[in-house]
Each structure stands twice: as structure tokens, then as C-alpha cells.
């Protein structure tokens, strides 16, 4: 498989805090990769660097072989990178449909085509019956699906998903995981940040673990789950 994303020594500081510390990772086209770690590990900060919301202090980021370090989010979106956010913030006064149309219009100026594609996206994520409602009226699970529809409307080759099952009940989580599996089967490369271990271990082919901004482990879900350093980070040292 071709490499779609590469981070080479990416570092991001906030004052004296090193949030991402010399991170070097690569993701191949078609992979489903989980990015895990305790709170404050640097996962979302790394996402923000990859997707152009932050410019790394050091290191380079390559997307589809191009150096995209520091390029703004709208440029990366046009190149084929989509993402969702940990805190879901749809445009509350617009309808569900209008929220998605705005995403589609980044790729086309044809309003009729944008409308049709937005409807298709909402149908795909199970929100077609809600499309004329104001986005603020959706519950948490529905807002997560709207966020996903907005990202998919960009026709992304790479999807960065930041805690898409956080706050969902078990049934909603299972429904979301089934949707993510289908998205992956359609050819999208996915990197998912997640704290719900059951979710990330069930859908990921490979796991990357961050701790204090550093990569401490990589491997299959089974390899990572049995890694002594990862166990220590999540559960603490055994008290004798």
C-alpha cells in the first residue's frame, strides 16, 4: 500500500509544555489506525498539526507525498483530508442539510449538485429525516453523525476522527462502529482518536499509543493491549 500520511519528527510546544514531542508516524492508504493515550497525551494536538489548525514548531508533515506542513485546513480539505472534532459544534441556526451543503461547496460551485450530494450524505449517515431541522435540535449521537456527514461531503481520502463515540450509549456506539467499518470498506483511510477502548480495539487494524506527547508503542490491537508499557500507562504500576 502507498503511504498517504507521514509525520517526521513533529513537535508542538505551548510555552514550556511540549504537547507533541518528536512524533514520527506513517499511515498507509486504506489503513484504519487507532490513536490512543491517556488524557493530555497529545492526540488532539497532533490531529491539529496534521490538519493545519496548528503549525508544528519542528518537523514536517507529508500528505500523499506532498509537504503540507503549516498549510491551512481549507487547503488540506481540498487536497482530500477531512476531520471531525472532539467537541461537536454544528452551525446551530442552520438546518442539518445546510450544514452539509456548506462542506460540499468547498468542492463545487453548483448549488444543485451540492444539494443532491448533501442529501445523499445525510441519507448515508441516517439523518435524512432530520435534514430540515435546525442543527441545534439534534441530540449528541445525531450531532456526531452530522459531523461525520460534513467530513464525508468533502470526498476525503483521509479521515481524522476525534472521539466520534464519546458520550454515546452502547447501542449508539455499536451503530457508529458499523458505520465506520462501512466507510473504511468504501476505501477511506481512517485515523481515529478514541478513549473508548472497546471501540478503538474493535475497528482498528493498527494502534499507535501516545504518552506525554511521545509515541510509546505501535502494533496490532492485540500487541498493544499486551504491551507492558501501555498497561503501565493506563493502569499504573503494580502495587506490591
C-alpha atoms as a PDB file:
ATOM      1  CA  UNK A   1       0.000   0.000   0.000  1.00  0.00           C
ATOM      2  CA  UNK A   2       1.125   3.560  -0.689  1.00  0.00           C
ATOM      3  CA  UNK A   3       1.894   5.882   2.217  1.00  0.00           C
ATOM      4  CA  UNK A   4      -0.826   8.537   2.488  1.00  0.00           C
ATOM      5  CA  UNK A   5       0.389  10.340   5.627  1.00  0.00           C
ATOM      6  CA  UNK A   6       3.786  10.767   7.209  1.00  0.00           C
ATOM      7  CA  UNK A   7       4.783  12.786  10.263  1.00  0.00           C
ATOM      8  CA  UNK A   8       8.531  13.261  10.584  1.00  0.00           C
ATOM      9  CA  UNK A   9       9.721  14.498  13.978  1.00  0.00           C
ATOM     10  CA  UNK A  10       6.632  16.639  14.610  1.00  0.00           C
ATOM     11  CA  UNK A  11       6.898  18.764  17.751  1.00  0.00           C
ATOM     12  CA  UNK A  12       4.416  21.284  19.145  1.00  0.00           C
ATOM     13  CA  UNK A  13       5.006  23.397  22.254  1.00  0.00           C
ATOM     14  CA  UNK A  14       2.721  25.673  24.246  1.00  0.00           C
ATOM     15  CA  UNK A  15       5.061  27.787  26.335  1.00  0.00           C
ATOM     16  CA  UNK A  16       7.047  25.345  28.441  1.00  0.00           C
ATOM     17  CA  UNK A  17       4.691  22.436  27.707  1.00  0.00           C
ATOM     18  CA  UNK A  18       5.738  20.050  24.958  1.00  0.00           C
ATOM     19  CA  UNK A  19       2.362  18.687  23.831  1.00  0.00           C
ATOM     20  CA  UNK A  20       3.715  16.686  20.882  1.00  0.00           C
ATOM     21  CA  UNK A  21       7.315  15.556  21.210  1.00  0.00           C
ATOM     22  CA  UNK A  22       9.243  14.464  18.107  1.00  0.00           C
ATOM     23  CA  UNK A  23       6.458  12.242  16.748  1.00  0.00           C
ATOM     24  CA  UNK A  24       7.259  10.203  13.645  1.00  0.00           C
ATOM     25  CA  UNK A  25       4.446   8.032  12.296  1.00  0.00           C
ATOM     26  CA  UNK A  26       3.213   6.888   8.907  1.00  0.00           C
ATOM     27  CA  UNK A  27      -0.144   5.651   7.670  1.00  0.00           C
ATOM     28  CA  UNK A  28      -0.669   3.650   4.501  1.00  0.00           C
ATOM     29  CA  UNK A  29      -3.533   4.202   2.105  1.00  0.00           C
ATOM     30  CA  UNK A  30      -6.538   2.118   3.118  1.00  0.00           C
ATOM     31  CA  UNK A  31      -5.498   1.569   6.748  1.00  0.00           C
ATOM     32  CA  UNK A  32      -7.713   2.000   9.807  1.00  0.00           C
ATOM     33  CA  UNK A  33      -5.424   3.264  12.578  1.00  0.00           C
ATOM     34  CA  UNK A  34      -6.342   3.946  16.193  1.00  0.00           C
ATOM     35  CA  UNK A  35      -4.513   6.715  18.071  1.00  0.00           C
ATOM     36  CA  UNK A  36      -4.816   6.248  21.813  1.00  0.00           C
ATOM     37  CA  UNK A  37      -3.314   7.528  25.029  1.00  0.00           C
ATOM     38  CA  UNK A  38      -4.330   8.984  28.412  1.00  0.00           C
ATOM     39  CA  UNK A  39      -5.792  12.480  28.749  1.00  0.00           C
ATOM     40  CA  UNK A  40      -3.166  15.051  27.872  1.00  0.00           C
ATOM     41  CA  UNK A  41      -1.146  12.616  25.762  1.00  0.00           C
ATOM     42  CA  UNK A  42      -1.144  14.971  22.771  1.00  0.00           C
ATOM     43  CA  UNK A  43      -3.581  13.149  20.493  1.00  0.00           C
ATOM     44  CA  UNK A  44      -5.808  16.079  19.535  1.00  0.00           C
ATOM     45  CA  UNK A  45      -2.807  18.402  19.312  1.00  0.00           C
ATOM     46  CA  UNK A  46      -1.221  16.002  16.816  1.00  0.00           C
ATOM     47  CA  UNK A  47      -4.500  15.965  14.850  1.00  0.00           C
ATOM     48  CA  UNK A  48      -4.494  19.764  14.873  1.00  0.00           C
ATOM     49  CA  UNK A  49      -0.976  19.796  13.452  1.00  0.00           C
ATOM     50  CA  UNK A  50      -1.809  17.248  10.756  1.00  0.00           C
ATOM     51  CA  UNK A  51      -4.996  19.053   9.701  1.00  0.00           C
ATOM     52  CA  UNK A  52      -3.478  22.538   9.646  1.00  0.00           C
ATOM     53  CA  UNK A  53      -5.020  24.109  12.743  1.00  0.00           C
ATOM     54  CA  UNK A  54      -1.583  24.323  14.362  1.00  0.00           C
ATOM     55  CA  UNK A  55       1.786  24.758  12.692  1.00  0.00           C
ATOM     56  CA  UNK A  56       4.391  22.425  14.217  1.00  0.00           C
ATOM     57  CA  UNK A  57       7.361  24.079  15.908  1.00  0.00           C
ATOM     58  CA  UNK A  58       9.585  21.376  14.433  1.00  0.00           C
ATOM     59  CA  UNK A  59       9.214  18.509  11.972  1.00  0.00           C
ATOM     60  CA  UNK A  60       7.402  18.003   8.682  1.00  0.00           C
ATOM     61  CA  UNK A  61       4.029  16.576   7.663  1.00  0.00           C
ATOM     62  CA  UNK A  62       3.521  14.866   4.304  1.00  0.00           C
ATOM     63  CA  UNK A  63       0.129  14.068   2.765  1.00  0.00           C
ATOM     64  CA  UNK A  64       0.012  11.992  -0.421  1.00  0.00           C
ATOM     65  CA  UNK A  65       3.728  12.650  -0.831  1.00  0.00           C
ATOM     66  CA  UNK A  66       3.363  16.439  -0.586  1.00  0.00           C
ATOM     67  CA  UNK A  67       4.900  18.533   2.180  1.00  0.00           C
ATOM     68  CA  UNK A  68       1.816  20.167   3.727  1.00  0.00           C
ATOM     69  CA  UNK A  69       3.423  21.416   6.938  1.00  0.00           C
ATOM     70  CA  UNK A  70       1.587  24.527   8.129  1.00  0.00           C
ATOM     71  CA  UNK A  71      -0.872  24.639   5.244  1.00  0.00           C
ATOM     72  CA  UNK A  72      -4.330  25.882   6.348  1.00  0.00           C
ATOM     73  CA  UNK A  73      -7.248  23.496   6.885  1.00  0.00           C
ATOM     74  CA  UNK A  74      -9.188  24.574   3.782  1.00  0.00           C
ATOM     75  CA  UNK A  75      -6.213  23.720   1.559  1.00  0.00           C
ATOM     76  CA  UNK A  76      -5.868  20.291   3.168  1.00  0.00           C
ATOM     77  CA  UNK A  77      -9.619  19.727   2.818  1.00  0.00           C
ATOM     78  CA  UNK A  78      -9.375  20.437  -0.917  1.00  0.00           C
ATOM     79  CA  UNK A  79      -6.453  18.005  -1.136  1.00  0.00           C
ATOM     80  CA  UNK A  80      -8.572  15.225   0.390  1.00  0.00           C
ATOM     81  CA  UNK A  81      -8.274  15.422   4.178  1.00  0.00           C
ATOM     82  CA  UNK A  82     -11.408  15.507   6.333  1.00  0.00           C
ATOM     83  CA  UNK A  83     -11.801  15.543  10.094  1.00  0.00           C
ATOM     84  CA  UNK A  84     -14.292  15.589  12.900  1.00  0.00           C
ATOM     85  CA  UNK A  85     -13.835  17.337  16.227  1.00  0.00           C
ATOM     86  CA  UNK A  86     -13.826  16.205  19.830  1.00  0.00           C
ATOM     87  CA  UNK A  87     -16.360  18.901  20.722  1.00  0.00           C
ATOM     88  CA  UNK A  88     -19.102  18.861  18.101  1.00  0.00           C
ATOM     89  CA  UNK A  89     -20.111  22.350  17.012  1.00  0.00           C
ATOM     90  CA  UNK A  90     -22.531  22.403  14.092  1.00  0.00           C
ATOM     91  CA  UNK A  91     -23.780  25.756  12.825  1.00  0.00           C
ATOM     92  CA  UNK A  92     -26.776  25.777  15.195  1.00  0.00           C
ATOM     93  CA  UNK A  93     -29.153  28.137  13.396  1.00  0.00           C
ATOM     94  CA  UNK A  94     -28.744  26.468  10.032  1.00  0.00           C
ATOM     95  CA  UNK A  95     -30.597  23.304   9.129  1.00  0.00           C
ATOM     96  CA  UNK A  96     -28.907  19.931   9.188  1.00  0.00           C
ATOM     97  CA  UNK A  97     -28.955  19.976   5.385  1.00  0.00           C
ATOM     98  CA  UNK A  98     -27.417  23.455   5.152  1.00  0.00           C
ATOM     99  CA  UNK A  99     -24.587  22.373   7.440  1.00  0.00           C
ATOM    100  CA  UNK A 100     -23.616  19.667   4.948  1.00  0.00           C
ATOM    101  CA  UNK A 101     -24.173  21.797   1.849  1.00  0.00           C
ATOM    102  CA  UNK A 102     -21.547  24.236   3.145  1.00  0.00           C
ATOM    103  CA  UNK A 103     -18.985  21.415   3.173  1.00  0.00           C
ATOM    104  CA  UNK A 104     -19.888  20.293  -0.348  1.00  0.00           C
ATOM    105  CA  UNK A 105     -19.475  23.844  -1.662  1.00  0.00           C
ATOM    106  CA  UNK A 106     -15.764  23.676  -0.922  1.00  0.00           C
ATOM    107  CA  UNK A 107     -15.501  21.286  -3.870  1.00  0.00           C
ATOM    108  CA  UNK A 108     -18.174  22.620  -6.243  1.00  0.00           C
ATOM    109  CA  UNK A 109     -19.970  25.886  -7.049  1.00  0.00           C
ATOM    110  CA  UNK A 110     -23.057  24.103  -8.390  1.00  0.00           C
ATOM    111  CA  UNK A 111     -25.773  24.575  -5.765  1.00  0.00           C
ATOM    112  CA  UNK A 112     -27.996  21.862  -7.240  1.00  0.00           C
ATOM    113  CA  UNK A 113     -25.174  19.314  -7.143  1.00  0.00           C
ATOM    114  CA  UNK A 114     -24.296  20.416  -3.618  1.00  0.00           C
ATOM    115  CA  UNK A 115     -27.902  19.910  -2.510  1.00  0.00           C
ATOM    116  CA  UNK A 116     -28.088  16.416  -4.026  1.00  0.00           C
ATOM    117  CA  UNK A 117     -24.777  15.335  -2.537  1.00  0.00           C
ATOM    118  CA  UNK A 118     -25.678  16.701   0.897  1.00  0.00           C
ATOM    119  CA  UNK A 119     -28.956  14.778   0.869  1.00  0.00           C
ATOM    120  CA  UNK A 120     -27.080  11.612  -0.123  1.00  0.00           C
ATOM    121  CA  UNK A 121     -24.593  12.085   2.723  1.00  0.00           C
ATOM    122  CA  UNK A 122     -27.358  12.580   5.267  1.00  0.00           C
ATOM    123  CA  UNK A 123     -29.159   9.524   3.946  1.00  0.00           C
ATOM    124  CA  UNK A 124     -25.945   7.530   4.329  1.00  0.00           C
ATOM    125  CA  UNK A 125     -25.419   8.509   7.981  1.00  0.00           C
ATOM    126  CA  UNK A 126     -29.105   8.067   8.857  1.00  0.00           C
ATOM    127  CA  UNK A 127     -30.140  11.717   9.181  1.00  0.00           C
ATOM    128  CA  UNK A 128     -32.240  12.292   6.059  1.00  0.00           C
ATOM    129  CA  UNK A 129     -35.436  12.518   8.096  1.00  0.00           C
ATOM    130  CA  UNK A 130     -33.858  15.291  10.212  1.00  0.00           C
ATOM    131  CA  UNK A 131     -32.372  17.329   7.363  1.00  0.00           C
ATOM    132  CA  UNK A 132     -34.786  20.280   7.566  1.00  0.00           C
ATOM    133  CA  UNK A 133     -34.470  20.649  11.337  1.00  0.00           C
ATOM    134  CA  UNK A 134     -32.133  23.228  12.876  1.00  0.00           C
ATOM    135  CA  UNK A 135     -28.834  21.559  13.765  1.00  0.00           C
ATOM    136  CA  UNK A 136     -29.167  22.678  17.386  1.00  0.00           C
ATOM    137  CA  UNK A 137     -32.187  20.377  17.802  1.00  0.00           C
ATOM    138  CA  UNK A 138     -30.141  17.183  17.302  1.00  0.00           C
ATOM    139  CA  UNK A 139     -29.073  15.011  20.211  1.00  0.00           C
ATOM    140  CA  UNK A 140     -25.415  14.097  20.824  1.00  0.00           C
ATOM    141  CA  UNK A 141     -25.438  10.928  18.701  1.00  0.00           C
ATOM    142  CA  UNK A 142     -27.123  12.767  15.819  1.00  0.00           C
ATOM    143  CA  UNK A 143     -24.660  15.663  16.030  1.00  0.00           C
ATOM    144  CA  UNK A 144     -21.804  13.155  15.808  1.00  0.00           C
ATOM    145  CA  UNK A 145     -23.359  11.750  12.636  1.00  0.00           C
ATOM    146  CA  UNK A 146     -23.838  15.248  11.226  1.00  0.00           C
ATOM    147  CA  UNK A 147     -20.163  15.972  11.899  1.00  0.00           C
ATOM    148  CA  UNK A 148     -19.269  12.783  10.050  1.00  0.00           C
ATOM    149  CA  UNK A 149     -21.541  13.700   7.122  1.00  0.00           C
ATOM    150  CA  UNK A 150     -19.866  17.106   6.844  1.00  0.00           C
ATOM    151  CA  UNK A 151     -16.441  15.452   6.705  1.00  0.00           C
ATOM    152  CA  UNK A 152     -17.541  12.816   4.181  1.00  0.00           C
ATOM    153  CA  UNK A 153     -19.068  15.517   1.969  1.00  0.00           C
ATOM    154  CA  UNK A 154     -15.510  16.638   1.185  1.00  0.00           C
ATOM    155  CA  UNK A 155     -14.769  13.300  -0.543  1.00  0.00           C
ATOM    156  CA  UNK A 156     -11.801  12.742   1.774  1.00  0.00           C
ATOM    157  CA  UNK A 157      -9.114  10.172   1.087  1.00  0.00           C
ATOM    158  CA  UNK A 158      -8.019  10.507   4.727  1.00  0.00           C
ATOM    159  CA  UNK A 159     -10.448  10.887   7.626  1.00  0.00           C
ATOM    160  CA  UNK A 160      -9.268  12.095  11.041  1.00  0.00           C
ATOM    161  CA  UNK A 161     -11.903  11.151  13.608  1.00  0.00           C
ATOM    162  CA  UNK A 162     -11.591  12.715  17.069  1.00  0.00           C
ATOM    163  CA  UNK A 163     -13.619  10.768  19.661  1.00  0.00           C
ATOM    164  CA  UNK A 164     -16.623  10.031  17.458  1.00  0.00           C
ATOM    165  CA  UNK A 165     -18.162   7.649  20.005  1.00  0.00           C
ATOM    166  CA  UNK A 166     -17.515   9.747  23.126  1.00  0.00           C
ATOM    167  CA  UNK A 167     -20.760  10.303  25.019  1.00  0.00           C
ATOM    168  CA  UNK A 168     -22.687   7.620  23.131  1.00  0.00           C
ATOM    169  CA  UNK A 169     -24.538   4.759  24.804  1.00  0.00           C
ATOM    170  CA  UNK A 170     -23.608   1.146  23.904  1.00  0.00           C
ATOM    171  CA  UNK A 171     -26.239   0.838  21.149  1.00  0.00           C
ATOM    172  CA  UNK A 172     -25.278   4.183  19.608  1.00  0.00           C
ATOM    173  CA  UNK A 173     -21.615   3.182  19.827  1.00  0.00           C
ATOM    174  CA  UNK A 174     -22.240  -0.102  18.002  1.00  0.00           C
ATOM    175  CA  UNK A 175     -24.214   1.706  15.286  1.00  0.00           C
ATOM    176  CA  UNK A 176     -21.416   4.227  14.833  1.00  0.00           C
ATOM    177  CA  UNK A 177     -18.763   1.493  14.654  1.00  0.00           C
ATOM    178  CA  UNK A 178     -20.764  -0.314  11.968  1.00  0.00           C
ATOM    179  CA  UNK A 179     -20.940   2.945  10.004  1.00  0.00           C
ATOM    180  CA  UNK A 180     -17.171   3.459  10.371  1.00  0.00           C
ATOM    181  CA  UNK A 181     -16.492  -0.082   9.144  1.00  0.00           C
ATOM    182  CA  UNK A 182     -18.593   0.617   6.070  1.00  0.00           C
ATOM    183  CA  UNK A 183     -16.821   3.932   5.434  1.00  0.00           C
ATOM    184  CA  UNK A 184     -13.490   2.102   5.657  1.00  0.00           C
ATOM    185  CA  UNK A 185     -14.669  -0.598   3.232  1.00  0.00           C
ATOM    186  CA  UNK A 186     -15.524   2.123   0.720  1.00  0.00           C
ATOM    187  CA  UNK A 187     -11.831   2.992   0.539  1.00  0.00           C
ATOM    188  CA  UNK A 188     -11.326   5.769   3.062  1.00  0.00           C
ATOM    189  CA  UNK A 189      -8.166   5.764   5.157  1.00  0.00           C
ATOM    190  CA  UNK A 190      -9.081   6.437   8.793  1.00  0.00           C
ATOM    191  CA  UNK A 191      -7.151   7.577  11.854  1.00  0.00           C
ATOM    192  CA  UNK A 192      -9.326   7.565  14.966  1.00  0.00           C
ATOM    193  CA  UNK A 193      -8.560   9.142  18.327  1.00  0.00           C
ATOM    194  CA  UNK A 194     -10.632   7.413  20.966  1.00  0.00           C
ATOM    195  CA  UNK A 195     -10.798   6.823  24.723  1.00  0.00           C
ATOM    196  CA  UNK A 196     -13.414   4.067  24.472  1.00  0.00           C
ATOM    197  CA  UNK A 197     -11.065   1.086  24.263  1.00  0.00           C
ATOM    198  CA  UNK A 198     -13.756  -1.379  23.200  1.00  0.00           C
ATOM    199  CA  UNK A 199     -14.481   0.801  20.205  1.00  0.00           C
ATOM    200  CA  UNK A 200     -10.955   1.517  19.027  1.00  0.00           C
ATOM    201  CA  UNK A 201      -9.762  -2.062  19.532  1.00  0.00           C
ATOM    202  CA  UNK A 202     -12.729  -3.459  17.594  1.00  0.00           C
ATOM    203  CA  UNK A 203     -12.322  -1.413  14.427  1.00  0.00           C
ATOM    204  CA  UNK A 204      -8.609  -0.574  14.178  1.00  0.00           C
ATOM    205  CA  UNK A 205      -6.131  -2.662  12.209  1.00  0.00           C
ATOM    206  CA  UNK A 206      -3.211  -0.954  13.905  1.00  0.00           C
ATOM    207  CA  UNK A 207      -2.800   1.109  17.070  1.00  0.00           C
ATOM    208  CA  UNK A 208      -0.406   3.966  17.885  1.00  0.00           C
ATOM    209  CA  UNK A 209      -0.030   4.936  21.552  1.00  0.00           C
ATOM    210  CA  UNK A 210       0.964   8.417  22.727  1.00  0.00           C
ATOM    211  CA  UNK A 211       2.056   9.338  26.257  1.00  0.00           C
ATOM    212  CA  UNK A 212       3.322  12.780  27.273  1.00  0.00           C
ATOM    213  CA  UNK A 213       3.492  13.669  23.586  1.00  0.00           C
ATOM    214  CA  UNK A 214       5.726  10.742  22.630  1.00  0.00           C
ATOM    215  CA  UNK A 215       4.964   7.545  20.719  1.00  0.00           C
ATOM    216  CA  UNK A 216       5.478   4.691  23.188  1.00  0.00           C
ATOM    217  CA  UNK A 217       4.011   1.763  21.233  1.00  0.00           C
ATOM    218  CA  UNK A 218       2.780   0.700  17.801  1.00  0.00           C
ATOM    219  CA  UNK A 219       1.251  -2.561  16.653  1.00  0.00           C
ATOM    220  CA  UNK A 220      -1.896  -4.615  16.255  1.00  0.00           C
ATOM    221  CA  UNK A 221      -4.638  -4.183  18.855  1.00  0.00           C
ATOM    222  CA  UNK A 222      -3.554  -7.449  20.497  1.00  0.00           C
ATOM    223  CA  UNK A 223       0.111  -6.443  20.599  1.00  0.00           C
ATOM    224  CA  UNK A 224      -0.682  -3.043  22.089  1.00  0.00           C
ATOM    225  CA  UNK A 225      -3.146  -4.448  24.637  1.00  0.00           C
ATOM    226  CA  UNK A 226      -0.427  -6.774  25.923  1.00  0.00           C
ATOM    227  CA  UNK A 227       2.404  -4.236  25.864  1.00  0.00           C
ATOM    228  CA  UNK A 228       3.723  -3.805  29.446  1.00  0.00           C
ATOM    229  CA  UNK A 229       4.480  -0.099  28.938  1.00  0.00           C
ATOM    230  CA  UNK A 230       0.973   0.574  27.652  1.00  0.00           C
ATOM    231  CA  UNK A 231      -0.566  -1.365  30.536  1.00  0.00           C
ATOM    232  CA  UNK A 232       1.505   0.677  32.992  1.00  0.00           C
ATOM    233  CA  UNK A 233       0.432   3.959  31.390  1.00  0.00           C
ATOM    234  CA  UNK A 234      -3.262   3.085  31.635  1.00  0.00           C
ATOM    235  CA  UNK A 235      -3.346   1.123  34.873  1.00  0.00           C
ATOM    236  CA  UNK A 236      -0.281   2.313  36.774  1.00  0.00           C
ATOM    237  CA  UNK A 237       2.477   0.264  38.279  1.00  0.00           C
ATOM    238  CA  UNK A 238       1.520  -2.787  40.288  1.00  0.00           C
ATOM    239  CA  UNK A 239       1.459  -2.048  43.999  1.00  0.00           C
ATOM    240  CA  UNK A 240       3.348  -4.720  45.949  1.00  0.00           C
END
